[in-house]
Amino acid sequence: MLGEFNAGKSTLINAFVAEDMVVTGVLPTTSHVNVVRYGPRKVARWTRLDGSVSEIPYDEAARLVKEAPESIEELEFCFPHPDLRSVHFWDTPGFNAPDTTHEARARAALETADAVVWMLDA
């Protein structure tokens, strides 16, 4: 998912899987890449800036996004939804965000994507 910041990318991903996985809000909340993919159980994986990874509950991931976003390189949400067996969603920070590192992360995701959904703020 790509588009300008606060365009509804995270909200659309949550709607696709009918689950509030990725944190959303009125203010821009995504400062890192969120990956939503199939997993046999519902769990989040937190990749830190140093590359270390921990499995955490979804509610802990939401707390991290709100309280310590600078500690997150990537959050991966595993969910046992059958449609996720064939597709992974990458929820990226927005373009034109006030923080240039957010846009750099979105551009990096764009370079590796097989397909792109571009969200527009209508």
PDB file of N, CA and C in Angstrom:
ATOM      1  N   MET A   1       0.854  -1.160   0.000  1.00  0.00           N
ATOM      2  CA  MET A   1       0.000   0.000   0.000  1.00  0.00           C
ATOM      3  C   MET A   1       0.904   1.228   0.000  1.00  0.00           C
ATOM      4  N   LEU A   2       0.697   2.075  -0.953  1.00  0.00           N
ATOM      5  CA  LEU A   2       1.455   3.314  -1.040  1.00  0.00           C
ATOM      6  C   LEU A   2       0.494   4.482  -1.232  1.00  0.00           C
ATOM      7  N   GLY A   3       0.963   5.648  -0.898  1.00  0.00           N
ATOM      8  CA  GLY A   3       0.193   6.867  -1.058  1.00  0.00           C
ATOM      9  C   GLY A   3       0.717   7.917  -0.106  1.00  0.00           C
ATOM     10  N   GLU A   4       0.062   9.056  -0.077  1.00  0.00           N
ATOM     11  CA  GLU A   4       0.493  10.110   0.830  1.00  0.00           C
ATOM     12  C   GLU A   4       0.158   9.729   2.268  1.00  0.00           C
ATOM     13  N   PHE A   5       0.828  10.402   3.201  1.00  0.00           N
ATOM     14  CA  PHE A   5       0.585  10.072   4.600  1.00  0.00           C
ATOM     15  C   PHE A   5      -0.866  10.395   4.964  1.00  0.00           C
ATOM     16  N   ASN A   6      -1.407   9.541   5.841  1.00  0.00           N
ATOM     17  CA  ASN A   6      -2.761   9.700   6.364  1.00  0.00           C
ATOM     18  C   ASN A   6      -3.846   9.601   5.283  1.00  0.00           C
ATOM     19  N   ALA A   7      -3.610   8.757   4.263  1.00  0.00           N
ATOM     20  CA  ALA A   7      -4.584   8.587   3.182  1.00  0.00           C
ATOM     21  C   ALA A   7      -5.523   7.406   3.410  1.00  0.00           C
ATOM     22  N   GLY A   8      -5.260   6.578   4.429  1.00  0.00           N
ATOM     23  CA  GLY A   8      -6.130   5.443   4.727  1.00  0.00           C
ATOM     24  C   GLY A   8      -5.559   4.087   4.366  1.00  0.00           C
ATOM     25  N   LYS A   9      -4.238   4.000   4.157  1.00  0.00           N
ATOM     26  CA  LYS A   9      -3.605   2.739   3.764  1.00  0.00           C
ATOM     27  C   LYS A   9      -3.795   1.658   4.828  1.00  0.00           C
ATOM     28  N   SER A  10      -3.530   1.994   6.072  1.00  0.00           N
ATOM     29  CA  SER A  10      -3.671   1.025   7.169  1.00  0.00           C
ATOM     30  C   SER A  10      -5.123   0.616   7.350  1.00  0.00           C
ATOM     31  N   THR A  11      -6.034   1.562   7.235  1.00  0.00           N
ATOM     32  CA  THR A  11      -7.456   1.273   7.383  1.00  0.00           C
ATOM     33  C   THR A  11      -7.924   0.294   6.316  1.00  0.00           C
ATOM     34  N   LEU A  12      -7.453   0.459   5.082  1.00  0.00           N
ATOM     35  CA  LEU A  12      -7.841  -0.444   4.004  1.00  0.00           C
ATOM     36  C   LEU A  12      -7.324  -1.862   4.257  1.00  0.00           C
ATOM     37  N   ILE A  13      -6.101  -1.989   4.720  1.00  0.00           N
ATOM     38  CA  ILE A  13      -5.569  -3.322   5.031  1.00  0.00           C
ATOM     39  C   ILE A  13      -6.406  -3.983   6.118  1.00  0.00           C
ATOM     40  N   ASN A  14      -6.733  -3.259   7.166  1.00  0.00           N
ATOM     41  CA  ASN A  14      -7.574  -3.813   8.226  1.00  0.00           C
ATOM     42  C   ASN A  14      -8.923  -4.266   7.660  1.00  0.00           C
ATOM     43  N   ALA A  15      -9.479  -3.509   6.724  1.00  0.00           N
ATOM     44  CA  ALA A  15     -10.761  -3.873   6.115  1.00  0.00           C
ATOM     45  C   ALA A  15     -10.626  -5.148   5.277  1.00  0.00           C
ATOM     46  N   PHE A  16      -9.525  -5.302   4.550  1.00  0.00           N
ATOM     47  CA  PHE A  16      -9.325  -6.503   3.734  1.00  0.00           C
ATOM     48  C   PHE A  16      -9.357  -7.773   4.570  1.00  0.00           C
ATOM     49  N   VAL A  17      -8.737  -7.732   5.734  1.00  0.00           N
ATOM     50  CA  VAL A  17      -8.666  -8.939   6.571  1.00  0.00           C
ATOM     51  C   VAL A  17      -9.730  -8.966   7.663  1.00  0.00           C
ATOM     52  N   ALA A  18     -10.584  -7.937   7.714  1.00  0.00           N
ATOM     53  CA  ALA A  18     -11.674  -7.846   8.695  1.00  0.00           C
ATOM     54  C   ALA A  18     -11.160  -8.004  10.129  1.00  0.00           C
ATOM     55  N   GLU A  19     -10.062  -7.327  10.408  1.00  0.00           N
ATOM     56  CA  GLU A  19      -9.431  -7.405  11.727  1.00  0.00           C
ATOM     57  C   GLU A  19      -8.647  -6.119  11.949  1.00  0.00           C
ATOM     58  N   ASP A  20      -8.734  -5.547  13.132  1.00  0.00           N
ATOM     59  CA  ASP A  20      -7.951  -4.350  13.449  1.00  0.00           C
ATOM     60  C   ASP A  20      -6.549  -4.772  13.866  1.00  0.00           C
ATOM     61  N   MET A  21      -5.694  -4.977  12.873  1.00  0.00           N
ATOM     62  CA  MET A  21      -4.317  -5.376  13.149  1.00  0.00           C
ATOM     63  C   MET A  21      -3.401  -4.178  13.176  1.00  0.00           C
ATOM     64  N   VAL A  22      -3.379  -3.443  12.085  1.00  0.00           N
ATOM     65  CA  VAL A  22      -2.478  -2.316  11.928  1.00  0.00           C
ATOM     66  C   VAL A  22      -3.089  -1.103  12.622  1.00  0.00           C
ATOM     67  N   VAL A  23      -2.272  -0.399  13.394  1.00  0.00           N
ATOM     68  CA  VAL A  23      -2.749   0.761  14.144  1.00  0.00           C
ATOM     69  C   VAL A  23      -3.156   1.866  13.179  1.00  0.00           C
ATOM     70  N   THR A  24      -4.315   2.468  13.442  1.00  0.00           N
ATOM     71  CA  THR A  24      -4.816   3.584  12.639  1.00  0.00           C
ATOM     72  C   THR A  24      -5.145   4.746  13.563  1.00  0.00           C
ATOM     73  N   GLY A  25      -5.301   5.917  12.985  1.00  0.00           N
ATOM     74  CA  GLY A  25      -5.670   7.076  13.786  1.00  0.00           C
ATOM     75  C   GLY A  25      -5.893   8.294  12.922  1.00  0.00           C
ATOM     76  N   VAL A  26      -6.417   9.329  13.535  1.00  0.00           N
ATOM     77  CA  VAL A  26      -6.660  10.580  12.825  1.00  0.00           C
ATOM     78  C   VAL A  26      -5.335  11.212  12.415  1.00  0.00           C
ATOM     79  N   LEU A  27      -4.348  11.141  13.297  1.00  0.00           N
ATOM     80  CA  LEU A  27      -3.009  11.642  12.982  1.00  0.00           C
ATOM     81  C   LEU A  27      -2.214  10.532  12.308  1.00  0.00           C
ATOM     82  N   PRO A  28      -1.232  10.867  11.474  1.00  0.00           N
ATOM     83  CA  PRO A  28      -0.406   9.825  10.860  1.00  0.00           C
ATOM     84  C   PRO A  28       0.238   8.953  11.934  1.00  0.00           C
ATOM     85  N   THR A  29       0.127   7.611  11.778  1.00  0.00           N
ATOM     86  CA  THR A  29       0.647   6.705  12.803  1.00  0.00           C
ATOM     87  C   THR A  29       1.707   5.751  12.276  1.00  0.00           C
ATOM     88  N   THR A  30       1.809   5.560  10.977  1.00  0.00           N
ATOM     89  CA  THR A  30       2.750   4.582  10.436  1.00  0.00           C
ATOM     90  C   THR A  30       4.077   5.255  10.102  1.00  0.00           C
ATOM     91  N   SER A  31       5.108   4.918  10.879  1.00  0.00           N
ATOM     92  CA  SER A  31       6.434   5.481  10.652  1.00  0.00           C
ATOM     93  C   SER A  31       7.409   4.407  10.173  1.00  0.00           C
ATOM     94  N   HIS A  32       6.933   3.203  10.007  1.00  0.00           N
ATOM     95  CA  HIS A  32       7.744   2.040   9.639  1.00  0.00           C
ATOM     96  C   HIS A  32       6.906   1.203   8.679  1.00  0.00           C
ATOM     97  N   VAL A  33       7.444   0.119   8.193  1.00  0.00           N
ATOM     98  CA  VAL A  33       6.690  -0.787   7.336  1.00  0.00           C
ATOM     99  C   VAL A  33       5.986  -1.816   8.210  1.00  0.00           C
ATOM    100  N   ASN A  34       4.691  -2.005   7.942  1.00  0.00           N
ATOM    101  CA  ASN A  34       3.917  -3.087   8.548  1.00  0.00           C
ATOM    102  C   ASN A  34       3.705  -4.139   7.472  1.00  0.00           C
ATOM    103  N   VAL A  35       3.978  -5.387   7.791  1.00  0.00           N
ATOM    104  CA  VAL A  35       3.729  -6.480   6.861  1.00  0.00           C
ATOM    105  C   VAL A  35       2.612  -7.331   7.458  1.00  0.00           C
ATOM    106  N   VAL A  36       1.575  -7.556   6.679  1.00  0.00           N
ATOM    107  CA  VAL A  36       0.469  -8.412   7.098  1.00  0.00           C
ATOM    108  C   VAL A  36       0.515  -9.638   6.214  1.00  0.00           C
ATOM    109  N   ARG A  37       0.681 -10.809   6.833  1.00  0.00           N
ATOM    110  CA  ARG A  37       0.829 -12.044   6.064  1.00  0.00           C
ATOM    111  C   ARG A  37       0.176 -13.202   6.803  1.00  0.00           C
ATOM    112  N   TYR A  38       0.087 -14.324   6.115  1.00  0.00           N
ATOM    113  CA  TYR A  38      -0.488 -15.519   6.717  1.00  0.00           C
ATOM    114  C   TYR A  38       0.443 -16.068   7.794  1.00  0.00           C
ATOM    115  N   GLY A  39      -0.156 -16.565   8.843  1.00  0.00           N
ATOM    116  CA  GLY A  39       0.554 -17.299   9.883  1.00  0.00           C
ATOM    117  C   GLY A  39      -0.428 -18.237  10.539  1.00  0.00           C
ATOM    118  N   PRO A  40       0.015 -19.360  11.059  1.00  0.00           N
ATOM    119  CA  PRO A  40      -0.905 -20.335  11.658  1.00  0.00           C
ATOM    120  C   PRO A  40      -1.553 -19.844  12.952  1.00  0.00           C
ATOM    121  N   ARG A  41      -0.964 -18.792  13.540  1.00  0.00           N
ATOM    122  CA  ARG A  41      -1.546 -18.207  14.752  1.00  0.00           C
ATOM    123  C   ARG A  41      -1.374 -16.696  14.707  1.00  0.00           C
ATOM    124  N   LYS A  42      -2.201 -16.040  15.471  1.00  0.00           N
ATOM    125  CA  LYS A  42      -2.214 -14.580  15.498  1.00  0.00           C
ATOM    126  C   LYS A  42      -1.072 -14.083  16.394  1.00  0.00           C
ATOM    127  N   VAL A  43      -0.076 -13.453  15.773  1.00  0.00           N
ATOM    128  CA  VAL A  43       1.082 -12.953  16.511  1.00  0.00           C
ATOM    129  C   VAL A  43       1.721 -11.814  15.711  1.00  0.00           C
ATOM    130  N   ALA A  44       2.399 -10.944  16.414  1.00  0.00           N
ATOM    131  CA  ALA A  44       3.156  -9.870  15.758  1.00  0.00           C
ATOM    132  C   ALA A  44       4.642 -10.123  15.977  1.00  0.00           C
ATOM    133  N   ARG A  45       5.440  -9.735  14.998  1.00  0.00           N
ATOM    134  CA  ARG A  45       6.899  -9.819  15.122  1.00  0.00           C
ATOM    135  C   ARG A  45       7.458  -8.407  14.998  1.00  0.00           C
ATOM    136  N   TRP A  46       8.202  -8.022  16.018  1.00  0.00           N
ATOM    137  CA  TRP A  46       8.782  -6.683  16.092  1.00  0.00           C
ATOM    138  C   TRP A  46      10.241  -6.765  15.707  1.00  0.00           C
ATOM    139  N   THR A  47      10.605  -6.136  14.605  1.00  0.00           N
ATOM    140  CA  THR A  47      12.006  -6.029  14.211  1.00  0.00           C
ATOM    141  C   THR A  47      12.503  -4.662  14.660  1.00  0.00           C
ATOM    142  N   ARG A  48      13.542  -4.690  15.492  1.00  0.00           N
ATOM    143  CA  ARG A  48      14.132  -3.451  16.002  1.00  0.00           C
ATOM    144  C   ARG A  48      15.132  -2.894  15.000  1.00  0.00           C
ATOM    145  N   LEU A  49      15.577  -1.694  15.257  1.00  0.00           N
ATOM    146  CA  LEU A  49      16.543  -1.047  14.371  1.00  0.00           C
ATOM    147  C   LEU A  49      17.859  -1.810  14.293  1.00  0.00           C
ATOM    148  N   ASP A  50      18.215  -2.551  15.354  1.00  0.00           N
ATOM    149  CA  ASP A  50      19.466  -3.320  15.352  1.00  0.00           C
ATOM    150  C   ASP A  50      19.306  -4.681  14.668  1.00  0.00           C
ATOM    151  N   GLY A  51      18.100  -4.983  14.171  1.00  0.00           N
ATOM    152  CA  GLY A  51      17.855  -6.241  13.464  1.00  0.00           C
ATOM    153  C   GLY A  51      17.326  -7.359  14.321  1.00  0.00           C
ATOM    154  N   SER A  52      17.309  -7.210  15.644  1.00  0.00           N
ATOM    155  CA  SER A  52      16.784  -8.264  16.503  1.00  0.00           C
ATOM    156  C   SER A  52      15.256  -8.320  16.369  1.00  0.00           C
ATOM    157  N   VAL A  53      14.710  -9.520  16.562  1.00  0.00           N
ATOM    158  CA  VAL A  53      13.279  -9.755  16.356  1.00  0.00           C
ATOM    159  C   VAL A  53      12.683 -10.416  17.590  1.00  0.00           C
ATOM    160  N   SER A  54      11.475  -9.975  17.971  1.00  0.00           N
ATOM    161  CA  SER A  54      10.737 -10.576  19.081  1.00  0.00           C
ATOM    162  C   SER A  54       9.296 -10.801  18.666  1.00  0.00           C
ATOM    163  N   GLU A  55       8.717 -11.908  19.110  1.00  0.00           N
ATOM    164  CA  GLU A  55       7.286 -12.121  18.925  1.00  0.00           C
ATOM    165  C   GLU A  55       6.555 -11.451  20.077  1.00  0.00           C
ATOM    166  N   ILE A  56       5.513 -10.704  19.738  1.00  0.00           N
ATOM    167  CA  ILE A  56       4.735  -9.984  20.749  1.00  0.00           C
ATOM    168  C   ILE A  56       3.248 -10.071  20.401  1.00  0.00           C
ATOM    169  N   PRO A  57       2.372  -9.928  21.407  1.00  0.00           N
ATOM    170  CA  PRO A  57       0.935  -9.893  21.121  1.00  0.00           C
ATOM    171  C   PRO A  57       0.569  -8.638  20.335  1.00  0.00           C
ATOM    172  N   TYR A  58      -0.543  -8.702  19.605  1.00  0.00           N
ATOM    173  CA  TYR A  58      -0.987  -7.554  18.812  1.00  0.00           C
ATOM    174  C   TYR A  58      -1.121  -6.296  19.655  1.00  0.00           C
ATOM    175  N   ASP A  59      -1.695  -6.416  20.843  1.00  0.00           N
ATOM    176  CA  ASP A  59      -1.899  -5.218  21.671  1.00  0.00           C
ATOM    177  C   ASP A  59      -0.571  -4.600  22.102  1.00  0.00           C
ATOM    178  N   GLU A  60       0.459  -5.411  22.242  1.00  0.00           N
ATOM    179  CA  GLU A  60       1.790  -4.890  22.549  1.00  0.00           C
ATOM    180  C   GLU A  60       2.352  -4.121  21.353  1.00  0.00           C
ATOM    181  N   ALA A  61       2.071  -4.609  20.143  1.00  0.00           N
ATOM    182  CA  ALA A  61       2.508  -3.896  18.935  1.00  0.00           C
ATOM    183  C   ALA A  61       1.837  -2.526  18.868  1.00  0.00           C
ATOM    184  N   ALA A  62       0.559  -2.458  19.188  1.00  0.00           N
ATOM    185  CA  ALA A  62      -0.159  -1.177  19.176  1.00  0.00           C
ATOM    186  C   ALA A  62       0.437  -0.219  20.208  1.00  0.00           C
ATOM    187  N   ARG A  63       0.819  -0.738  21.365  1.00  0.00           N
ATOM    188  CA  ARG A  63       1.446   0.095  22.395  1.00  0.00           C
ATOM    189  C   ARG A  63       2.788   0.627  21.912  1.00  0.00           C
ATOM    190  N   LEU A  64       3.581  -0.226  21.254  1.00  0.00           N
ATOM    191  CA  LEU A  64       4.885   0.206  20.725  1.00  0.00           C
ATOM    192  C   LEU A  64       4.728   1.333  19.710  1.00  0.00           C
ATOM    193  N   VAL A  65       3.760   1.198  18.819  1.00  0.00           N
ATOM    194  CA  VAL A  65       3.532   2.215  17.789  1.00  0.00           C
ATOM    195  C   VAL A  65       3.227   3.560  18.434  1.00  0.00           C
ATOM    196  N   LYS A  66       2.470   3.545  19.518  1.00  0.00           N
ATOM    197  CA  LYS A  66       2.083   4.795  20.173  1.00  0.00           C
ATOM    198  C   LYS A  66       3.170   5.348  21.083  1.00  0.00           C
ATOM    199  N   GLU A  67       3.886   4.457  21.794  1.00  0.00           N
ATOM    200  CA  GLU A  67       4.815   4.909  22.831  1.00  0.00           C
ATOM    201  C   GLU A  67       6.277   4.944  22.399  1.00  0.00           C
ATOM    202  N   ALA A  68       6.675   4.107  21.451  1.00  0.00           N
ATOM    203  CA  ALA A  68       8.092   4.044  21.076  1.00  0.00           C
ATOM    204  C   ALA A  68       8.269   3.765  19.587  1.00  0.00           C
ATOM    205  N   PRO A  69       7.664   4.570  18.714  1.00  0.00           N
ATOM    206  CA  PRO A  69       7.764   4.291  17.274  1.00  0.00           C
ATOM    207  C   PRO A  69       9.193   4.321  16.745  1.00  0.00           C
ATOM    208  N   GLU A  70      10.062   5.075  17.396  1.00  0.00           N
ATOM    209  CA  GLU A  70      11.448   5.176  16.939  1.00  0.00           C
ATOM    210  C   GLU A  70      12.216   3.872  17.141  1.00  0.00           C
ATOM    211  N   SER A  71      11.661   2.916  17.915  1.00  0.00           N
ATOM    212  CA  SER A  71      12.336   1.639  18.164  1.00  0.00           C
ATOM    213  C   SER A  71      11.972   0.576  17.129  1.00  0.00           C
ATOM    214  N   ILE A  72      11.097   0.908  16.170  1.00  0.00           N
ATOM    215  CA  ILE A  72      10.565  -0.087  15.234  1.00  0.00           C
ATOM    216  C   ILE A  72      11.184   0.082  13.852  1.00  0.00           C
ATOM    217  N   GLU A  73      11.771  -0.984  13.358  1.00  0.00           N
ATOM    218  CA  GLU A  73      12.187  -1.037  11.951  1.00  0.00           C
ATOM    219  C   GLU A  73      11.026  -1.577  11.112  1.00  0.00           C
ATOM    220  N   GLU A  74      10.387  -2.643  11.633  1.00  0.00           N
ATOM    221  CA  GLU A  74       9.271  -3.260  10.922  1.00  0.00           C
ATOM    222  C   GLU A  74       8.402  -4.009  11.921  1.00  0.00           C
ATOM    223  N   LEU A  75       7.099  -4.027  11.657  1.00  0.00           N
ATOM    224  CA  LEU A  75       6.174  -4.881  12.396  1.00  0.00           C
ATOM    225  C   LEU A  75       5.539  -5.831  11.401  1.00  0.00           C
ATOM    226  N   GLU A  76       5.573  -7.112  11.735  1.00  0.00           N
ATOM    227  CA  GLU A  76       4.977  -8.125  10.879  1.00  0.00           C
ATOM    228  C   GLU A  76       3.819  -8.746  11.642  1.00  0.00           C
ATOM    229  N   PHE A  77       2.637  -8.706  11.041  1.00  0.00           N
ATOM    230  CA  PHE A  77       1.442  -9.256  11.667  1.00  0.00           C
ATOM    231  C   PHE A  77       1.082 -10.555  10.968  1.00  0.00           C
ATOM    232  N   CYS A  78       1.143 -11.654  11.701  1.00  0.00           N
ATOM    233  CA  CYS A  78       0.779 -12.960  11.155  1.00  0.00           C
ATOM    234  C   CYS A  78      -0.660 -13.250  11.573  1.00  0.00           C
ATOM    235  N   PHE A  79      -1.445 -13.751  10.640  1.00  0.00           N
ATOM    236  CA  PHE A  79      -2.866 -13.947  10.892  1.00  0.00           C
ATOM    237  C   PHE A  79      -3.353 -15.143  10.072  1.00  0.00           C
ATOM    238  N   PRO A  80      -4.145 -16.038  10.669  1.00  0.00           N
ATOM    239  CA  PRO A  80      -4.599 -17.231   9.942  1.00  0.00           C
ATOM    240  C   PRO A  80      -5.808 -16.982   9.041  1.00  0.00           C
ATOM    241  N   HIS A  81      -5.704 -16.020   8.158  1.00  0.00           N
ATOM    242  CA  HIS A  81      -6.764 -15.724   7.185  1.00  0.00           C
ATOM    243  C   HIS A  81      -6.396 -16.434   5.881  1.00  0.00           C
ATOM    244  N   PRO A  82      -7.272 -17.266   5.314  1.00  0.00           N
ATOM    245  CA  PRO A  82      -6.888 -18.061   4.136  1.00  0.00           C
ATOM    246  C   PRO A  82      -6.439 -17.225   2.931  1.00  0.00           C
ATOM    247  N   ASP A  83      -6.999 -16.041   2.747  1.00  0.00           N
ATOM    248  CA  ASP A  83      -6.589 -15.216   1.604  1.00  0.00           C
ATOM    249  C   ASP A  83      -5.160 -14.706   1.730  1.00  0.00           C
ATOM    250  N   LEU A  84      -4.627 -14.689   2.952  1.00  0.00           N
ATOM    251  CA  LEU A  84      -3.259 -14.217   3.150  1.00  0.00           C
ATOM    252  C   LEU A  84      -2.216 -15.271   2.771  1.00  0.00           C
ATOM    253  N   ARG A  85      -2.668 -16.464   2.412  1.00  0.00           N
ATOM    254  CA  ARG A  85      -1.720 -17.489   1.957  1.00  0.00           C
ATOM    255  C   ARG A  85      -1.079 -17.094   0.625  1.00  0.00           C
ATOM    256  N   SER A  86      -1.779 -16.291  -0.168  1.00  0.00           N
ATOM    257  CA  SER A  86      -1.266 -15.958  -1.501  1.00  0.00           C
ATOM    258  C   SER A  86      -0.835 -14.504  -1.652  1.00  0.00           C
ATOM    259  N   VAL A  87      -1.006 -13.687  -0.628  1.00  0.00           N
ATOM    260  CA  VAL A  87      -0.629 -12.276  -0.734  1.00  0.00           C
ATOM    261  C   VAL A  87      -0.140 -11.766   0.619  1.00  0.00           C
ATOM    262  N   HIS A  88       0.860 -10.937   0.587  1.00  0.00           N
ATOM    263  CA  HIS A  88       1.326 -10.211   1.775  1.00  0.00           C
ATOM    264  C   HIS A  88       1.033  -8.750   1.528  1.00  0.00           C
ATOM    265  N   PHE A  89       0.508  -8.069   2.521  1.00  0.00           N
ATOM    266  CA  PHE A  89       0.295  -6.633   2.417  1.00  0.00           C
ATOM    267  C   PHE A  89       1.446  -5.920   3.107  1.00  0.00           C
ATOM    268  N   TRP A  90       2.001  -4.937   2.436  1.00  0.00           N
ATOM    269  CA  TRP A  90       3.002  -4.059   3.035  1.00  0.00           C
ATOM    270  C   TRP A  90       2.345  -2.710   3.206  1.00  0.00           C
ATOM    271  N   ASP A  91       2.193  -2.306   4.434  1.00  0.00           N
ATOM    272  CA  ASP A  91       1.622  -1.004   4.767  1.00  0.00           C
ATOM    273  C   ASP A  91       2.795  -0.076   5.031  1.00  0.00           C
ATOM    274  N   THR A  92       2.930   0.944   4.199  1.00  0.00           N
ATOM    275  CA  THR A  92       4.107   1.808   4.259  1.00  0.00           C
ATOM    276  C   THR A  92       3.782   3.163   4.862  1.00  0.00           C
ATOM    277  N   PRO A  93       4.797   3.848   5.367  1.00  0.00           N
ATOM    278  CA  PRO A  93       4.596   5.250   5.737  1.00  0.00           C
ATOM    279  C   PRO A  93       4.239   6.027   4.474  1.00  0.00           C
ATOM    280  N   GLY A  94       3.658   7.164   4.632  1.00  0.00           N
ATOM    281  CA  GLY A  94       3.205   7.912   3.465  1.00  0.00           C
ATOM    282  C   GLY A  94       4.258   8.784   2.825  1.00  0.00           C
ATOM    283  N   PHE A  95       4.021   9.065   1.558  1.00  0.00           N
ATOM    284  CA  PHE A  95       4.813  10.058   0.861  1.00  0.00           C
ATOM    285  C   PHE A  95       4.368  11.440   1.327  1.00  0.00           C
ATOM    286  N   ASN A  96       5.230  12.415   1.204  1.00  0.00           N
ATOM    287  CA  ASN A  96       4.986  13.788   1.658  1.00  0.00           C
ATOM    288  C   ASN A  96       4.787  13.882   3.165  1.00  0.00           C
ATOM    289  N   ALA A  97       5.319  12.928   3.896  1.00  0.00           N
ATOM    290  CA  ALA A  97       5.247  12.976   5.356  1.00  0.00           C
ATOM    291  C   ALA A  97       6.222  14.035   5.879  1.00  0.00           C
ATOM    292  N   PRO A  98       5.931  14.597   7.027  1.00  0.00           N
ATOM    293  CA  PRO A  98       6.840  15.598   7.603  1.00  0.00           C
ATOM    294  C   PRO A  98       8.242  15.054   7.884  1.00  0.00           C
ATOM    295  N   ASP A  99       8.370  13.758   8.144  1.00  0.00           N
ATOM    296  CA  ASP A  99       9.654  13.127   8.443  1.00  0.00           C
ATOM    297  C   ASP A  99      10.176  12.447   7.172  1.00  0.00           C
ATOM    298  N   THR A 100      11.317  12.851   6.675  1.00  0.00           N
ATOM    299  CA  THR A 100      11.854  12.317   5.416  1.00  0.00           C
ATOM    300  C   THR A 100      12.225  10.838   5.504  1.00  0.00           C
ATOM    301  N   THR A 101      12.521  10.321   6.701  1.00  0.00           N
ATOM    302  CA  THR A 101      12.821   8.886   6.821  1.00  0.00           C
ATOM    303  C   THR A 101      11.589   8.046   6.511  1.00  0.00           C
ATOM    304  N   HIS A 102      10.394   8.572   6.787  1.00  0.00           N
ATOM    305  CA  HIS A 102       9.167   7.840   6.476  1.00  0.00           C
ATOM    306  C   HIS A 102       9.045   7.652   4.966  1.00  0.00           C
ATOM    307  N   GLU A 103       9.291   8.706   4.220  1.00  0.00           N
ATOM    308  CA  GLU A 103       9.198   8.613   2.767  1.00  0.00           C
ATOM    309  C   GLU A 103      10.272   7.671   2.215  1.00  0.00           C
ATOM    310  N   ALA A 104      11.452   7.677   2.795  1.00  0.00           N
ATOM    311  CA  ALA A 104      12.518   6.777   2.347  1.00  0.00           C
ATOM    312  C   ALA A 104      12.099   5.318   2.520  1.00  0.00           C
ATOM    313  N   ARG A 105      11.413   5.006   3.616  1.00  0.00           N
ATOM    314  CA  ARG A 105      10.940   3.640   3.832  1.00  0.00           C
ATOM    315  C   ARG A 105       9.865   3.267   2.816  1.00  0.00           C
ATOM    316  N   ALA A 106       9.001   4.201   2.475  1.00  0.00           N
ATOM    317  CA  ALA A 106       7.968   3.943   1.471  1.00  0.00           C
ATOM    318  C   ALA A 106       8.603   3.706   0.108  1.00  0.00           C
ATOM    319  N   ARG A 107       9.602   4.501  -0.249  1.00  0.00           N
ATOM    320  CA  ARG A 107      10.287   4.327  -1.538  1.00  0.00           C
ATOM    321  C   ARG A 107      11.001   2.978  -1.611  1.00  0.00           C
ATOM    322  N   ALA A 108      11.610   2.551  -0.526  1.00  0.00           N
ATOM    323  CA  ALA A 108      12.287   1.254  -0.495  1.00  0.00           C
ATOM    324  C   ALA A 108      11.288   0.116  -0.709  1.00  0.00           C
ATOM    325  N   ALA A 109      10.118   0.225  -0.114  1.00  0.00           N
ATOM    326  CA  ALA A 109       9.083  -0.794  -0.310  1.00  0.00           C
ATOM    327  C   ALA A 109       8.612  -0.805  -1.755  1.00  0.00           C
ATOM    328  N   LEU A 110       8.465   0.353  -2.347  1.00  0.00           N
ATOM    329  CA  LEU A 110       8.031   0.470  -3.740  1.00  0.00           C
ATOM    330  C   LEU A 110       8.990  -0.263  -4.667  1.00  0.00           C
ATOM    331  N   GLU A 111      10.274  -0.181  -4.393  1.00  0.00           N
ATOM    332  CA  GLU A 111      11.280  -0.813  -5.254  1.00  0.00           C
ATOM    333  C   GLU A 111      11.236  -2.336  -5.200  1.00  0.00           C
ATOM    334  N   THR A 112      10.663  -2.918  -4.142  1.00  0.00           N
ATOM    335  CA  THR A 112      10.628  -4.375  -4.013  1.00  0.00           C
ATOM    336  C   THR A 112       9.240  -4.965  -4.240  1.00  0.00           C
ATOM    337  N   ALA A 113       8.233  -4.149  -4.461  1.00  0.00           N
ATOM    338  CA  ALA A 113       6.854  -4.626  -4.577  1.00  0.00           C
ATOM    339  C   ALA A 113       6.601  -5.353  -5.893  1.00  0.00           C
ATOM    340  N   ASP A 114       5.774  -6.382  -5.841  1.00  0.00           N
ATOM    341  CA  ASP A 114       5.306  -7.058  -7.049  1.00  0.00           C
ATOM    342  C   ASP A 114       4.094  -6.342  -7.633  1.00  0.00           C
ATOM    343  N   ALA A 115       3.323  -5.701  -6.777  1.00  0.00           N
ATOM    344  CA  ALA A 115       2.142  -4.934  -7.197  1.00  0.00           C
ATOM    345  C   ALA A 115       1.942  -3.812  -6.186  1.00  0.00           C
ATOM    346  N   VAL A 116       1.292  -2.742  -6.617  1.00  0.00           N
ATOM    347  CA  VAL A 116       1.096  -1.585  -5.749  1.00  0.00           C
ATOM    348  C   VAL A 116      -0.377  -1.174  -5.773  1.00  0.00           C
ATOM    349  N   VAL A 117      -0.892  -0.888  -4.592  1.00  0.00           N
ATOM    350  CA  VAL A 117      -2.195  -0.233  -4.465  1.00  0.00           C
ATOM    351  C   VAL A 117      -1.863   1.191  -4.009  1.00  0.00           C
ATOM    352  N   TRP A 118      -2.248   2.177  -4.812  1.00  0.00           N
ATOM    353  CA  TRP A 118      -1.959   3.566  -4.498  1.00  0.00           C
ATOM    354  C   TRP A 118      -3.218   4.202  -3.929  1.00  0.00           C
ATOM    355  N   MET A 119      -3.121   4.613  -2.666  1.00  0.00           N
ATOM    356  CA  MET A 119      -4.253   5.250  -1.986  1.00  0.00           C
ATOM    357  C   MET A 119      -4.244   6.742  -2.232  1.00  0.00           C
ATOM    358  N   LEU A 120      -5.410   7.267  -2.581  1.00  0.00           N
ATOM    359  CA  LEU A 120      -5.584   8.695  -2.775  1.00  0.00           C
ATOM    360  C   LEU A 120      -6.539   9.233  -1.733  1.00  0.00           C
ATOM    361  N   ASP A 121      -6.256  10.418  -1.249  1.00  0.00           N
ATOM    362  CA  ASP A 121      -7.166  11.090  -0.317  1.00  0.00           C
ATOM    363  C   ASP A 121      -8.175  11.852  -1.152  1.00  0.00           C
ATOM    364  N   ALA A 122      -9.337  11.242  -1.331  1.00  0.00           N
ATOM    365  CA  ALA A 122     -10.369  11.864  -2.177  1.00  0.00           C
ATOM    366  C   ALA A 122     -11.023  13.008  -1.436  1.00  0.00           C
TER     367      ALA A 122
END
